[in-house]
Structure formats: C-alpha cells, structure tokens
Amino acid sequence: MDLNTIRNLDNDIVTISAFNKGQAGRIFDEVEHDGHKVVFKNNKRKAIILSPALYDALIEMLSDQLLSEEAERRMSAAGGEEVTLSEMMQKSGMTDKDLEGWEDVEID
C-alpha cells in the first residue's frame, strides 16, 4: 500500500442510508474490491470500513513504525553503541548451548 491510498480514504464514500436500504452486500463487495469505504451520516464521517488486507497492511505499517521508534530509543539510550550478539551473550553469561532448541527468528 502506498501513501496515496492512505491519503485518499475519503474518496470512496457511502451513506448510512445505503445500509438502511439493504445495500450492505453490495457495499461489502465494493470494500473487498476497493479496500475501503467511508460511511457518512448527516454529512459527517461515522465509520471507515476496511478490507482485511488493507487493515492488515496498516497494522503492519504501524507495527514497523513502533518497532523502529523503539530501536531508535534504545540506540539513543545506549549512546549509539552497537553490540554484537557474541558481545551480548558474553555480557549476559549465555553460551551457544543455551540457545540450542530455540527456533531461529526471521527479521524482515
């Protein structure tokens, strides 16, 4: 998903009266195709409906941002000093044997 998609969430507007007129099935089909709809009542936004794919993408973006901010905070608190895994293990008294049986962690 790109930034323009996020900025243009208001482009696909549906009124609450459309739901009241039995058009929910059509609206949800459009959400599945378009990714989102903005629901208005009395000319005010009342809800935003997201497809599961768009919701998941937004949550992943937020999670990535929060992880990045946490990494920056930790680096700042450490004075910018980088520590290798070997150094960290040595400082904590861990050995390779302590890590046996643990699954590898994949980092994107």
C-alpha atoms as a PDB file:
ATOM      1  CA  MET A   1       0.000   0.000   0.000  1.00  0.00           C
ATOM      2  CA  ASP A   2       1.279   3.450  -0.807  1.00  0.00           C
ATOM      3  CA  LEU A   3       0.820   6.812   0.872  1.00  0.00           C
ATOM      4  CA  ASN A   4      -1.673   7.977  -1.777  1.00  0.00           C
ATOM      5  CA  THR A   5      -4.008   5.120  -0.840  1.00  0.00           C
ATOM      6  CA  ILE A   6      -3.945   6.243   2.773  1.00  0.00           C
ATOM      7  CA  ARG A   7      -4.472   9.895   1.858  1.00  0.00           C
ATOM      8  CA  ASN A   8      -7.419   9.080  -0.410  1.00  0.00           C
ATOM      9  CA  LEU A   9      -9.500   7.084   2.056  1.00  0.00           C
ATOM     10  CA  ASP A  10     -12.249   9.709   1.815  1.00  0.00           C
ATOM     11  CA  ASN A  11     -12.660   9.130  -1.927  1.00  0.00           C
ATOM     12  CA  ASP A  12     -14.951   6.110  -1.524  1.00  0.00           C
ATOM     13  CA  ILE A  13     -17.912   7.475   0.374  1.00  0.00           C
ATOM     14  CA  VAL A  14     -21.100   5.604   1.217  1.00  0.00           C
ATOM     15  CA  THR A  15     -24.025   6.947   3.199  1.00  0.00           C
ATOM     16  CA  ILE A  16     -25.562   5.224   6.189  1.00  0.00           C
ATOM     17  CA  SER A  17     -28.879   5.301   4.345  1.00  0.00           C
ATOM     18  CA  ALA A  18     -27.420   2.901   1.768  1.00  0.00           C
ATOM     19  CA  PHE A  19     -27.081   0.338   4.554  1.00  0.00           C
ATOM     20  CA  ASN A  20     -30.640   1.080   5.655  1.00  0.00           C
ATOM     21  CA  LYS A  21     -31.846   0.450   2.100  1.00  0.00           C
ATOM     22  CA  GLY A  22     -30.435  -3.084   2.086  1.00  0.00           C
ATOM     23  CA  GLN A  23     -27.293  -2.357   0.093  1.00  0.00           C
ATOM     24  CA  ALA A  24     -24.863  -3.759   2.666  1.00  0.00           C
ATOM     25  CA  GLY A  25     -23.971  -6.765   0.478  1.00  0.00           C
ATOM     26  CA  ARG A  26     -23.034  -4.509  -2.458  1.00  0.00           C
ATOM     27  CA  ILE A  27     -21.082  -2.188  -0.165  1.00  0.00           C
ATOM     28  CA  PHE A  28     -19.082  -5.052   1.350  1.00  0.00           C
ATOM     29  CA  ASP A  29     -18.342  -6.374  -2.146  1.00  0.00           C
ATOM     30  CA  GLU A  30     -17.006  -2.929  -3.057  1.00  0.00           C
ATOM     31  CA  VAL A  31     -14.901  -2.871   0.126  1.00  0.00           C
ATOM     32  CA  GLU A  32     -13.436  -6.229  -0.843  1.00  0.00           C
ATOM     33  CA  HIS A  33     -12.583  -4.842  -4.288  1.00  0.00           C
ATOM     34  CA  ASP A  34     -11.591  -1.255  -3.390  1.00  0.00           C
ATOM     35  CA  GLY A  35     -10.147  -1.903   0.065  1.00  0.00           C
ATOM     36  CA  HIS A  36     -12.227   0.631   1.984  1.00  0.00           C
ATOM     37  CA  LYS A  37     -15.356   2.741   2.282  1.00  0.00           C
ATOM     38  CA  VAL A  38     -16.037   5.813   4.386  1.00  0.00           C
ATOM     39  CA  VAL A  39     -19.514   5.819   5.923  1.00  0.00           C
ATOM     40  CA  PHE A  40     -21.210   9.203   6.307  1.00  0.00           C
ATOM     41  CA  LYS A  41     -24.292  10.191   8.264  1.00  0.00           C
ATOM     42  CA  ASN A  42     -25.602  13.750   8.181  1.00  0.00           C
ATOM     43  CA  ASN A  43     -22.538  14.821   6.169  1.00  0.00           C
ATOM     44  CA  LYS A  44     -20.124  13.607   8.870  1.00  0.00           C
ATOM     45  CA  ARG A  45     -17.831  10.602   8.879  1.00  0.00           C
ATOM     46  CA  LYS A  46     -19.228   7.942  11.175  1.00  0.00           C
ATOM     47  CA  ALA A  47     -17.106   4.908  10.291  1.00  0.00           C
ATOM     48  CA  ILE A  48     -14.428   3.631   7.973  1.00  0.00           C
ATOM     49  CA  ILE A  49     -14.763   0.088   6.687  1.00  0.00           C
ATOM     50  CA  LEU A  50     -11.504  -1.581   5.680  1.00  0.00           C
ATOM     51  CA  SER A  51     -10.910  -4.824   3.857  1.00  0.00           C
ATOM     52  CA  PRO A  52      -8.964  -7.358   5.911  1.00  0.00           C
ATOM     53  CA  ALA A  53      -5.987  -6.973   3.542  1.00  0.00           C
ATOM     54  CA  LEU A  54      -5.880  -3.182   3.939  1.00  0.00           C
ATOM     55  CA  TYR A  55      -6.365  -3.439   7.698  1.00  0.00           C
ATOM     56  CA  ASP A  56      -3.522  -5.963   7.960  1.00  0.00           C
ATOM     57  CA  ALA A  57      -1.254  -3.738   5.832  1.00  0.00           C
ATOM     58  CA  LEU A  58      -1.989  -0.694   8.010  1.00  0.00           C
ATOM     59  CA  ILE A  59      -1.386  -2.647  11.216  1.00  0.00           C
ATOM     60  CA  GLU A  60       1.904  -3.979   9.839  1.00  0.00           C
ATOM     61  CA  MET A  61       2.987  -0.458   8.887  1.00  0.00           C
ATOM     62  CA  LEU A  62       2.117   0.793  12.373  1.00  0.00           C
ATOM     63  CA  SER A  63       3.929  -2.122  13.980  1.00  0.00           C
ATOM     64  CA  ASP A  64       7.029  -1.492  11.849  1.00  0.00           C
ATOM     65  CA  GLN A  65       6.961   2.192  12.817  1.00  0.00           C
ATOM     66  CA  LEU A  66       6.642   1.410  16.517  1.00  0.00           C
ATOM     67  CA  LEU A  67       9.485  -1.116  16.342  1.00  0.00           C
ATOM     68  CA  SER A  68      11.645   1.419  14.520  1.00  0.00           C
ATOM     69  CA  GLU A  69      10.932   4.060  17.161  1.00  0.00           C
ATOM     70  CA  GLU A  70      11.752   1.588  19.936  1.00  0.00           C
ATOM     71  CA  ALA A  71      15.029   0.651  18.233  1.00  0.00           C
ATOM     72  CA  GLU A  72      15.918   4.341  17.901  1.00  0.00           C
ATOM     73  CA  ARG A  73      15.073   4.912  21.571  1.00  0.00           C
ATOM     74  CA  ARG A  74      17.240   2.000  22.643  1.00  0.00           C
ATOM     75  CA  MET A  75      20.134   3.088  20.441  1.00  0.00           C
ATOM     76  CA  SER A  76      19.894   6.591  21.865  1.00  0.00           C
ATOM     77  CA  ALA A  77      19.822   5.262  25.434  1.00  0.00           C
ATOM     78  CA  ALA A  78      22.893   3.148  24.682  1.00  0.00           C
ATOM     79  CA  GLY A  79      24.724   6.184  23.364  1.00  0.00           C
ATOM     80  CA  GLY A  80      24.619   4.793  19.837  1.00  0.00           C
ATOM     81  CA  GLU A  81      26.942   1.948  20.782  1.00  0.00           C
ATOM     82  CA  GLU A  82      26.304  -1.210  18.780  1.00  0.00           C
ATOM     83  CA  VAL A  83      26.721  -4.567  20.464  1.00  0.00           C
ATOM     84  CA  THR A  84      27.159  -7.818  18.587  1.00  0.00           C
ATOM     85  CA  LEU A  85      25.311 -10.973  19.538  1.00  0.00           C
ATOM     86  CA  SER A  86      28.574 -12.503  20.747  1.00  0.00           C
ATOM     87  CA  GLU A  87      29.279  -9.497  22.967  1.00  0.00           C
ATOM     88  CA  MET A  88      25.751  -9.545  24.365  1.00  0.00           C
ATOM     89  CA  MET A  89      25.976 -13.271  25.085  1.00  0.00           C
ATOM     90  CA  GLN A  90      29.325 -12.796  26.801  1.00  0.00           C
ATOM     91  CA  LYS A  91      27.974  -9.938  28.951  1.00  0.00           C
ATOM     92  CA  SER A  92      24.934 -11.969  29.970  1.00  0.00           C
ATOM     93  CA  GLY A  93      26.854 -15.194  30.531  1.00  0.00           C
ATOM     94  CA  MET A  94      24.988 -17.095  27.814  1.00  0.00           C
ATOM     95  CA  THR A  95      26.556 -19.761  25.635  1.00  0.00           C
ATOM     96  CA  ASP A  96      25.641 -21.295  22.295  1.00  0.00           C
ATOM     97  CA  LYS A  97      24.421 -24.334  24.234  1.00  0.00           C
ATOM     98  CA  ASP A  98      21.840 -22.108  25.969  1.00  0.00           C
ATOM     99  CA  LEU A  99      20.365 -21.282  22.564  1.00  0.00           C
ATOM    100  CA  GLU A 100      20.009 -24.897  21.415  1.00  0.00           C
ATOM    101  CA  GLY A 101      16.417 -25.877  20.767  1.00  0.00           C
ATOM    102  CA  TRP A 102      15.250 -22.326  20.152  1.00  0.00           C
ATOM    103  CA  GLU A 103      13.783 -21.552  16.747  1.00  0.00           C
ATOM    104  CA  ASP A 104      15.591 -19.100  14.506  1.00  0.00           C
ATOM    105  CA  VAL A 105      13.942 -15.712  14.360  1.00  0.00           C
ATOM    106  CA  GLU A 106      13.410 -14.252  10.911  1.00  0.00           C
ATOM    107  CA  ILE A 107      13.677 -10.463  10.725  1.00  0.00           C
ATOM    108  CA  ASP A 108      12.226  -8.655   7.702  1.00  0.00           C
END
